[in-house]
Amino acid sequence: MTTESYVAQPMEFRKAWRALKALIADPEDTRQVFTIMRALTGKSFYKQYLQFKASETGLRILEEQRDLLATLADREALKALPDGTVGKTYIDFMEREGITAEGLVEASEDAYTDFTDKDMERYAMRTREMHDLWHVITGYGRDGLGEVCVVAFSYAQTKSLGFAAIALMGAYDFSRKFPGNRIFRAAWQAYRTGRKAKWFPGQDWEHLLTLPLDEVRAMLNIPEPDVYLAHTDVIRQTRPEMLAAAE
């Protein structure tokens, strides 16, 4: 697809529903996330791309043909950054969780095959690679509730219905599994934070990696996710290893 000939992909609700059920059954099946996002993207991706391309930062990134994956995969360079910076906090998070920036590429290998516009493809891949950075900046962990909150935040930022579907289904599922907890309130706070925050897809992440995390959070208008953090029992029980053990 090219910018000039771009036609929004029709919504595939049945396909998204099947993938949602599969994702609820296995929250670590990241491939289902990309299936849902592709099925429910509609016009949101194109609108976001145009916004990115029209911004000074976005245009500079496209002209310089930056590859965010290359930066995030350079683990030695990130480890060399001072403690407390976004980059050092990010690589510590990734190693602690046992994941890599390349992992998202493997999970989404079929989602980026029909781009002929290289700038559009670069933007699509860049937004994919930001996901774990958003965890670090927002303060939401990789536990199940943390993922629900990150996708609720992501929906506010991107207006992609795929994120909304994942957040709603995840919040509903955890509300049933953990009655008496304020799961939907945590997701709602994440959504509201996303509405008020600066636009994450348009940020110069290569530069922000070198800055103190607290400074970047203040710059992007990211408060402490106190409703989420109060759910210590849900966070502990929805960690990836706990969910795997329960199967």
C-alpha atoms as a PDB file:
ATOM      1  CA  MET A   1       0.000   0.000   0.000  1.00  0.00           C
ATOM      2  CA  THR A   2       1.121   3.548  -0.628  1.00  0.00           C
ATOM      3  CA  THR A   3       0.027   6.775   1.005  1.00  0.00           C
ATOM      4  CA  GLU A   4      -1.751   7.904  -2.145  1.00  0.00           C
ATOM      5  CA  SER A   5      -3.623   4.630  -2.698  1.00  0.00           C
ATOM      6  CA  TYR A   6      -4.271   3.721   0.917  1.00  0.00           C
ATOM      7  CA  VAL A   7      -7.632   2.084   1.549  1.00  0.00           C
ATOM      8  CA  ALA A   8      -8.547   1.247   5.137  1.00  0.00           C
ATOM      9  CA  GLN A   9      -8.874  -2.477   5.763  1.00  0.00           C
ATOM     10  CA  PRO A  10     -12.482  -3.502   6.530  1.00  0.00           C
ATOM     11  CA  MET A  11     -13.200  -4.355  10.150  1.00  0.00           C
ATOM     12  CA  GLU A  12     -13.079  -8.127  10.718  1.00  0.00           C
ATOM     13  CA  PHE A  13     -15.084  -8.517  13.916  1.00  0.00           C
ATOM     14  CA  ARG A  14     -15.390 -12.313  13.841  1.00  0.00           C
ATOM     15  CA  LYS A  15     -11.671 -12.736  13.312  1.00  0.00           C
ATOM     16  CA  ALA A  16     -10.992 -10.315  16.172  1.00  0.00           C
ATOM     17  CA  TRP A  17     -13.429 -12.157  18.442  1.00  0.00           C
ATOM     18  CA  ARG A  18     -11.738 -15.509  17.830  1.00  0.00           C
ATOM     19  CA  ALA A  19      -8.341 -13.977  18.521  1.00  0.00           C
ATOM     20  CA  LEU A  20      -9.655 -12.286  21.687  1.00  0.00           C
ATOM     21  CA  LYS A  21     -10.877 -15.617  23.053  1.00  0.00           C
ATOM     22  CA  ALA A  22      -7.522 -17.202  22.242  1.00  0.00           C
ATOM     23  CA  LEU A  23      -5.687 -14.334  23.963  1.00  0.00           C
ATOM     24  CA  ILE A  24      -7.823 -14.650  27.099  1.00  0.00           C
ATOM     25  CA  ALA A  25      -7.032 -18.377  27.160  1.00  0.00           C
ATOM     26  CA  ASP A  26      -3.301 -17.705  26.751  1.00  0.00           C
ATOM     27  CA  PRO A  27      -2.276 -14.111  27.646  1.00  0.00           C
ATOM     28  CA  GLU A  28       1.292 -14.820  26.532  1.00  0.00           C
ATOM     29  CA  ASP A  29       0.208 -15.592  22.953  1.00  0.00           C
ATOM     30  CA  THR A  30       1.351 -12.240  21.577  1.00  0.00           C
ATOM     31  CA  ARG A  31       0.512 -13.225  18.007  1.00  0.00           C
ATOM     32  CA  GLN A  32      -3.167 -12.907  18.858  1.00  0.00           C
ATOM     33  CA  VAL A  33      -2.628  -9.260  19.807  1.00  0.00           C
ATOM     34  CA  PHE A  34      -1.398  -8.452  16.320  1.00  0.00           C
ATOM     35  CA  THR A  35      -4.280 -10.408  14.784  1.00  0.00           C
ATOM     36  CA  ILE A  36      -6.759  -8.345  16.807  1.00  0.00           C
ATOM     37  CA  MET A  37      -5.041  -5.073  15.986  1.00  0.00           C
ATOM     38  CA  ARG A  38      -4.979  -5.841  12.284  1.00  0.00           C
ATOM     39  CA  ALA A  39      -8.626  -6.925  12.274  1.00  0.00           C
ATOM     40  CA  LEU A  40      -9.819  -3.759  14.050  1.00  0.00           C
ATOM     41  CA  THR A  41      -7.453  -1.081  12.783  1.00  0.00           C
ATOM     42  CA  GLY A  42      -9.840   0.594  10.342  1.00  0.00           C
ATOM     43  CA  LYS A  43      -8.793   4.159   9.550  1.00  0.00           C
ATOM     44  CA  SER A  44      -7.042   4.794  12.872  1.00  0.00           C
ATOM     45  CA  PHE A  45      -3.568   3.708  11.739  1.00  0.00           C
ATOM     46  CA  TYR A  46      -3.600   5.916   8.650  1.00  0.00           C
ATOM     47  CA  LYS A  47      -4.768   8.942  10.620  1.00  0.00           C
ATOM     48  CA  GLN A  48      -2.010   8.398  13.168  1.00  0.00           C
ATOM     49  CA  TYR A  49       0.578   8.022  10.411  1.00  0.00           C
ATOM     50  CA  LEU A  50      -0.455  11.287   8.794  1.00  0.00           C
ATOM     51  CA  GLN A  51      -0.250  13.034  12.170  1.00  0.00           C
ATOM     52  CA  PHE A  52       3.238  11.617  12.691  1.00  0.00           C
ATOM     53  CA  LYS A  53       4.417  12.585   9.209  1.00  0.00           C
ATOM     54  CA  ALA A  54       3.082  16.127   9.642  1.00  0.00           C
ATOM     55  CA  SER A  55       5.014  16.693  12.872  1.00  0.00           C
ATOM     56  CA  GLU A  56       8.535  18.100  12.971  1.00  0.00           C
ATOM     57  CA  THR A  57       9.835  15.145  14.980  1.00  0.00           C
ATOM     58  CA  GLY A  58       8.088  12.563  12.827  1.00  0.00           C
ATOM     59  CA  LEU A  59       9.323  14.078   9.577  1.00  0.00           C
ATOM     60  CA  ARG A  60      12.893  14.153  10.913  1.00  0.00           C
ATOM     61  CA  ILE A  61      12.680  10.481  11.970  1.00  0.00           C
ATOM     62  CA  LEU A  62      11.407   9.471   8.537  1.00  0.00           C
ATOM     63  CA  GLU A  63      14.019  11.546   6.695  1.00  0.00           C
ATOM     64  CA  GLU A  64      16.793  10.036   8.818  1.00  0.00           C
ATOM     65  CA  GLN A  65      15.324   6.550   8.239  1.00  0.00           C
ATOM     66  CA  ARG A  66      15.666   5.727  11.896  1.00  0.00           C
ATOM     67  CA  ASP A  67      15.254   2.162  13.094  1.00  0.00           C
ATOM     68  CA  LEU A  68      14.055   2.150  16.713  1.00  0.00           C
ATOM     69  CA  LEU A  69      14.521  -1.613  16.920  1.00  0.00           C
ATOM     70  CA  ALA A  70      18.251  -1.232  16.298  1.00  0.00           C
ATOM     71  CA  THR A  71      18.477   1.206  19.208  1.00  0.00           C
ATOM     72  CA  LEU A  72      16.425  -0.950  21.588  1.00  0.00           C
ATOM     73  CA  ALA A  73      18.313  -4.100  20.601  1.00  0.00           C
ATOM     74  CA  ASP A  74      21.703  -2.506  21.379  1.00  0.00           C
ATOM     75  CA  ARG A  75      21.737  -3.861  24.920  1.00  0.00           C
ATOM     76  CA  GLU A  76      25.337  -2.905  25.699  1.00  0.00           C
ATOM     77  CA  ALA A  77      24.719   0.738  24.775  1.00  0.00           C
ATOM     78  CA  LEU A  78      21.587   0.844  26.941  1.00  0.00           C
ATOM     79  CA  LYS A  79      23.389  -0.769  29.873  1.00  0.00           C
ATOM     80  CA  ALA A  80      26.082   1.924  29.613  1.00  0.00           C
ATOM     81  CA  LEU A  81      23.545   4.688  30.249  1.00  0.00           C
ATOM     82  CA  PRO A  82      23.393   6.167  33.774  1.00  0.00           C
ATOM     83  CA  ASP A  83      21.103   4.580  36.351  1.00  0.00           C
ATOM     84  CA  GLY A  84      17.675   6.196  36.409  1.00  0.00           C
ATOM     85  CA  THR A  85      17.599   7.040  32.707  1.00  0.00           C
ATOM     86  CA  VAL A  86      14.808   5.721  30.531  1.00  0.00           C
ATOM     87  CA  GLY A  87      17.194   3.547  28.539  1.00  0.00           C
ATOM     88  CA  LYS A  88      18.854   1.948  31.569  1.00  0.00           C
ATOM     89  CA  THR A  89      15.488   1.386  33.253  1.00  0.00           C
ATOM     90  CA  TYR A  90      14.171  -0.136  30.022  1.00  0.00           C
ATOM     91  CA  ILE A  91      16.994  -2.632  29.576  1.00  0.00           C
ATOM     92  CA  ASP A  92      16.828  -3.603  33.257  1.00  0.00           C
ATOM     93  CA  PHE A  93      13.075  -4.176  32.830  1.00  0.00           C
ATOM     94  CA  MET A  94      13.584  -6.284  29.702  1.00  0.00           C
ATOM     95  CA  GLU A  95      16.266  -8.463  31.284  1.00  0.00           C
ATOM     96  CA  ARG A  96      14.278  -8.860  34.490  1.00  0.00           C
ATOM     97  CA  GLU A  97      11.255  -9.991  32.484  1.00  0.00           C
ATOM     98  CA  GLY A  98      13.299 -12.262  30.225  1.00  0.00           C
ATOM     99  CA  ILE A  99      12.148 -10.587  27.004  1.00  0.00           C
ATOM    100  CA  THR A 100      13.837  -8.803  24.109  1.00  0.00           C
ATOM    101  CA  ALA A 101      12.945  -6.067  21.656  1.00  0.00           C
ATOM    102  CA  GLU A 102      13.281  -8.647  18.888  1.00  0.00           C
ATOM    103  CA  GLY A 103      10.537 -10.762  20.456  1.00  0.00           C
ATOM    104  CA  LEU A 104       7.774  -8.465  19.222  1.00  0.00           C
ATOM    105  CA  VAL A 105       9.189  -8.691  15.705  1.00  0.00           C
ATOM    106  CA  GLU A 106       8.929 -12.484  15.776  1.00  0.00           C
ATOM    107  CA  ALA A 107       5.360 -12.332  17.102  1.00  0.00           C
ATOM    108  CA  SER A 108       4.260  -9.921  14.374  1.00  0.00           C
ATOM    109  CA  GLU A 109       6.100 -11.341  11.380  1.00  0.00           C
ATOM    110  CA  ASP A 110       2.902 -11.596   9.311  1.00  0.00           C
ATOM    111  CA  ALA A 111       1.520  -8.152  10.190  1.00  0.00           C
ATOM    112  CA  TYR A 112       3.861  -5.984   8.111  1.00  0.00           C
ATOM    113  CA  THR A 113       4.000  -7.767   4.769  1.00  0.00           C
ATOM    114  CA  ASP A 114       1.832  -5.556   2.537  1.00  0.00           C
ATOM    115  CA  PHE A 115       3.481  -2.157   2.882  1.00  0.00           C
ATOM    116  CA  THR A 116       4.957  -0.617  -0.259  1.00  0.00           C
ATOM    117  CA  ASP A 117       5.241   2.868   1.266  1.00  0.00           C
ATOM    118  CA  LYS A 118       8.492   2.666   3.242  1.00  0.00           C
ATOM    119  CA  ASP A 119       7.681   5.643   5.467  1.00  0.00           C
ATOM    120  CA  MET A 120       4.363   4.112   6.453  1.00  0.00           C
ATOM    121  CA  GLU A 121       6.060   0.796   7.134  1.00  0.00           C
ATOM    122  CA  ARG A 122       8.718   2.521   9.242  1.00  0.00           C
ATOM    123  CA  TYR A 123       6.033   4.219  11.326  1.00  0.00           C
ATOM    124  CA  ALA A 124       4.132   0.947  11.782  1.00  0.00           C
ATOM    125  CA  MET A 125       7.237  -0.885  12.965  1.00  0.00           C
ATOM    126  CA  ARG A 126       8.242   2.004  15.195  1.00  0.00           C
ATOM    127  CA  THR A 127       4.901   1.948  17.010  1.00  0.00           C
ATOM    128  CA  ARG A 128       5.228  -1.806  17.450  1.00  0.00           C
ATOM    129  CA  GLU A 129       8.641  -1.474  19.034  1.00  0.00           C
ATOM    130  CA  MET A 130       7.472   1.189  21.500  1.00  0.00           C
ATOM    131  CA  HIS A 131       5.241  -1.197  23.448  1.00  0.00           C
ATOM    132  CA  ASP A 132       7.650  -2.176  26.220  1.00  0.00           C
ATOM    133  CA  LEU A 133       8.902   1.406  26.457  1.00  0.00           C
ATOM    134  CA  TRP A 134       5.321   2.405  27.231  1.00  0.00           C
ATOM    135  CA  HIS A 135       5.318  -0.107  30.092  1.00  0.00           C
ATOM    136  CA  VAL A 136       8.386   1.573  31.549  1.00  0.00           C
ATOM    137  CA  ILE A 137       7.138   5.139  31.145  1.00  0.00           C
ATOM    138  CA  THR A 138       3.613   4.512  32.449  1.00  0.00           C
ATOM    139  CA  GLY A 139       4.669   2.277  35.347  1.00  0.00           C
ATOM    140  CA  TYR A 140       2.449  -0.652  34.362  1.00  0.00           C
ATOM    141  CA  GLY A 141       4.077  -4.069  34.674  1.00  0.00           C
ATOM    142  CA  ARG A 142       3.848  -7.131  32.448  1.00  0.00           C
ATOM    143  CA  ASP A 143       1.344  -8.792  34.740  1.00  0.00           C
ATOM    144  CA  GLY A 144      -2.123  -9.321  33.309  1.00  0.00           C
ATOM    145  CA  LEU A 145      -3.599  -6.229  34.925  1.00  0.00           C
ATOM    146  CA  GLY A 146      -0.598  -4.176  33.809  1.00  0.00           C
ATOM    147  CA  GLU A 147      -1.139  -5.292  30.215  1.00  0.00           C
ATOM    148  CA  VAL A 148      -4.835  -4.376  30.411  1.00  0.00           C
ATOM    149  CA  CYS A 149      -3.878  -0.915  31.637  1.00  0.00           C
ATOM    150  CA  VAL A 150      -1.212  -0.408  28.975  1.00  0.00           C
ATOM    151  CA  VAL A 151      -3.642  -1.272  26.182  1.00  0.00           C
ATOM    152  CA  ALA A 152      -6.298   1.016  27.712  1.00  0.00           C
ATOM    153  CA  PHE A 153      -3.665   3.768  27.685  1.00  0.00           C
ATOM    154  CA  SER A 154      -2.759   2.808  24.112  1.00  0.00           C
ATOM    155  CA  TYR A 155      -6.371   3.085  22.970  1.00  0.00           C
ATOM    156  CA  ALA A 156      -6.535   6.644  24.300  1.00  0.00           C
ATOM    157  CA  GLN A 157      -3.336   7.448  22.423  1.00  0.00           C
ATOM    158  CA  THR A 158      -4.123   5.778  19.089  1.00  0.00           C
ATOM    159  CA  LYS A 159      -7.937   5.405  18.881  1.00  0.00           C
ATOM    160  CA  SER A 160      -7.430   1.879  17.543  1.00  0.00           C
ATOM    161  CA  LEU A 161     -10.431  -0.308  18.398  1.00  0.00           C
ATOM    162  CA  GLY A 162      -8.124  -3.297  18.768  1.00  0.00           C
ATOM    163  CA  PHE A 163      -6.666  -1.826  21.948  1.00  0.00           C
ATOM    164  CA  ALA A 164     -10.150  -1.032  23.253  1.00  0.00           C
ATOM    165  CA  ALA A 165     -11.313  -4.601  22.646  1.00  0.00           C
ATOM    166  CA  ILE A 166      -8.309  -6.124  24.414  1.00  0.00           C
ATOM    167  CA  ALA A 167      -8.620  -3.747  27.370  1.00  0.00           C
ATOM    168  CA  LEU A 168     -12.355  -4.354  27.824  1.00  0.00           C
ATOM    169  CA  MET A 169     -12.141  -8.129  27.504  1.00  0.00           C
ATOM    170  CA  GLY A 170      -9.134  -8.286  29.798  1.00  0.00           C
ATOM    171  CA  ALA A 171     -10.760  -6.083  32.428  1.00  0.00           C
ATOM    172  CA  TYR A 172     -13.967  -8.147  32.279  1.00  0.00           C
ATOM    173  CA  ASP A 173     -12.040 -11.417  32.599  1.00  0.00           C
ATOM    174  CA  PHE A 174     -10.016 -10.232  35.601  1.00  0.00           C
ATOM    175  CA  SER A 175     -13.111  -8.737  37.248  1.00  0.00           C
ATOM    176  CA  ARG A 176     -14.646 -12.220  37.218  1.00  0.00           C
ATOM    177  CA  LYS A 177     -11.474 -13.894  38.442  1.00  0.00           C
ATOM    178  CA  PHE A 178     -10.790 -11.327  41.166  1.00  0.00           C
ATOM    179  CA  PRO A 179     -14.182 -10.125  42.446  1.00  0.00           C
ATOM    180  CA  GLY A 180     -14.153  -7.143  44.775  1.00  0.00           C
ATOM    181  CA  ASN A 181     -11.174  -5.518  43.068  1.00  0.00           C
ATOM    182  CA  ARG A 182     -11.380  -2.270  41.107  1.00  0.00           C
ATOM    183  CA  ILE A 183     -10.142  -3.690  37.816  1.00  0.00           C
ATOM    184  CA  PHE A 184     -12.238  -1.465  35.572  1.00  0.00           C
ATOM    185  CA  ARG A 185     -11.265   1.575  37.632  1.00  0.00           C
ATOM    186  CA  ALA A 186      -7.568   0.789  37.080  1.00  0.00           C
ATOM    187  CA  ALA A 187      -8.167   0.467  33.322  1.00  0.00           C
ATOM    188  CA  TRP A 188     -10.222   3.674  33.295  1.00  0.00           C
ATOM    189  CA  GLN A 189      -7.430   5.556  35.059  1.00  0.00           C
ATOM    190  CA  ALA A 190      -4.982   4.280  32.426  1.00  0.00           C
ATOM    191  CA  TYR A 191      -7.299   5.448  29.650  1.00  0.00           C
ATOM    192  CA  ARG A 192      -7.671   8.894  31.213  1.00  0.00           C
ATOM    193  CA  THR A 193      -3.903   9.144  31.623  1.00  0.00           C
ATOM    194  CA  GLY A 194      -3.519   8.331  27.943  1.00  0.00           C
ATOM    195  CA  ARG A 195      -5.993  11.071  27.037  1.00  0.00           C
ATOM    196  CA  LYS A 196      -4.098  13.697  29.034  1.00  0.00           C
ATOM    197  CA  ALA A 197      -0.547  12.598  28.183  1.00  0.00           C
ATOM    198  CA  LYS A 198       1.575  13.880  25.332  1.00  0.00           C
ATOM    199  CA  TRP A 199       1.272  11.838  22.140  1.00  0.00           C
ATOM    200  CA  PHE A 200       3.692   8.920  22.617  1.00  0.00           C
ATOM    201  CA  PRO A 201       3.955   7.788  18.950  1.00  0.00           C
ATOM    202  CA  GLY A 202       5.304  11.208  18.000  1.00  0.00           C
ATOM    203  CA  GLN A 203       8.094  11.347  20.575  1.00  0.00           C
ATOM    204  CA  ASP A 204      11.820  11.233  19.841  1.00  0.00           C
ATOM    205  CA  TRP A 205      12.442   8.054  21.816  1.00  0.00           C
ATOM    206  CA  GLU A 206      16.079   7.793  20.784  1.00  0.00           C
ATOM    207  CA  HIS A 207      16.670  11.040  22.668  1.00  0.00           C
ATOM    208  CA  LEU A 208      14.320  10.307  25.559  1.00  0.00           C
ATOM    209  CA  LEU A 209      16.206   7.092  26.309  1.00  0.00           C
ATOM    210  CA  THR A 210      19.131   9.200  27.506  1.00  0.00           C
ATOM    211  CA  LEU A 211      17.088  11.316  29.939  1.00  0.00           C
ATOM    212  CA  PRO A 212      16.095  10.592  33.560  1.00  0.00           C
ATOM    213  CA  LEU A 213      12.870   8.594  33.776  1.00  0.00           C
ATOM    214  CA  ASP A 214      11.266  10.981  36.261  1.00  0.00           C
ATOM    215  CA  GLU A 215      12.018  13.920  33.968  1.00  0.00           C
ATOM    216  CA  VAL A 216      10.481  12.165  30.964  1.00  0.00           C
ATOM    217  CA  ARG A 217       7.363  11.201  32.920  1.00  0.00           C
ATOM    218  CA  ALA A 218       6.898  14.822  33.942  1.00  0.00           C
ATOM    219  CA  MET A 219       7.543  15.992  30.377  1.00  0.00           C
ATOM    220  CA  LEU A 220       4.949  13.596  28.968  1.00  0.00           C
ATOM    221  CA  ASN A 221       2.435  14.221  31.780  1.00  0.00           C
ATOM    222  CA  ILE A 222       2.460  10.714  33.260  1.00  0.00           C
ATOM    223  CA  PRO A 223       1.317  10.468  36.907  1.00  0.00           C
ATOM    224  CA  GLU A 224       1.774   7.510  39.246  1.00  0.00           C
ATOM    225  CA  PRO A 225      -0.735   4.744  38.407  1.00  0.00           C
ATOM    226  CA  ASP A 226      -1.935   4.484  42.010  1.00  0.00           C
ATOM    227  CA  VAL A 227      -5.142   2.525  41.341  1.00  0.00           C
ATOM    228  CA  TYR A 228      -3.178  -0.161  39.501  1.00  0.00           C
ATOM    229  CA  LEU A 229      -0.394  -0.250  42.096  1.00  0.00           C
ATOM    230  CA  ALA A 230      -2.933  -0.790  44.890  1.00  0.00           C
ATOM    231  CA  HIS A 231      -3.869  -4.153  43.328  1.00  0.00           C
ATOM    232  CA  THR A 232      -0.827  -5.983  44.668  1.00  0.00           C
ATOM    233  CA  ASP A 233      -2.668  -9.309  44.904  1.00  0.00           C
ATOM    234  CA  VAL A 234      -3.934  -9.172  41.317  1.00  0.00           C
ATOM    235  CA  ILE A 235      -0.528  -8.045  40.050  1.00  0.00           C
ATOM    236  CA  ARG A 236       1.176 -10.953  41.806  1.00  0.00           C
ATOM    237  CA  GLN A 237      -1.346 -13.540  40.636  1.00  0.00           C
ATOM    238  CA  THR A 238      -1.399 -12.383  37.014  1.00  0.00           C
ATOM    239  CA  ARG A 239       2.338 -12.409  36.483  1.00  0.00           C
ATOM    240  CA  PRO A 240       3.205 -14.450  33.336  1.00  0.00           C
ATOM    241  CA  GLU A 241       4.805 -17.233  35.369  1.00  0.00           C
ATOM    242  CA  MET A 242       1.775 -17.459  37.700  1.00  0.00           C
ATOM    243  CA  LEU A 243      -0.649 -17.670  34.796  1.00  0.00           C
ATOM    244  CA  ALA A 244       1.460 -20.373  33.182  1.00  0.00           C
ATOM    245  CA  ALA A 245       1.550 -22.368  36.425  1.00  0.00           C
ATOM    246  CA  ALA A 246      -2.240 -22.172  36.732  1.00  0.00           C
ATOM    247  CA  GLU A 247      -2.804 -23.787  33.313  1.00  0.00           C
END
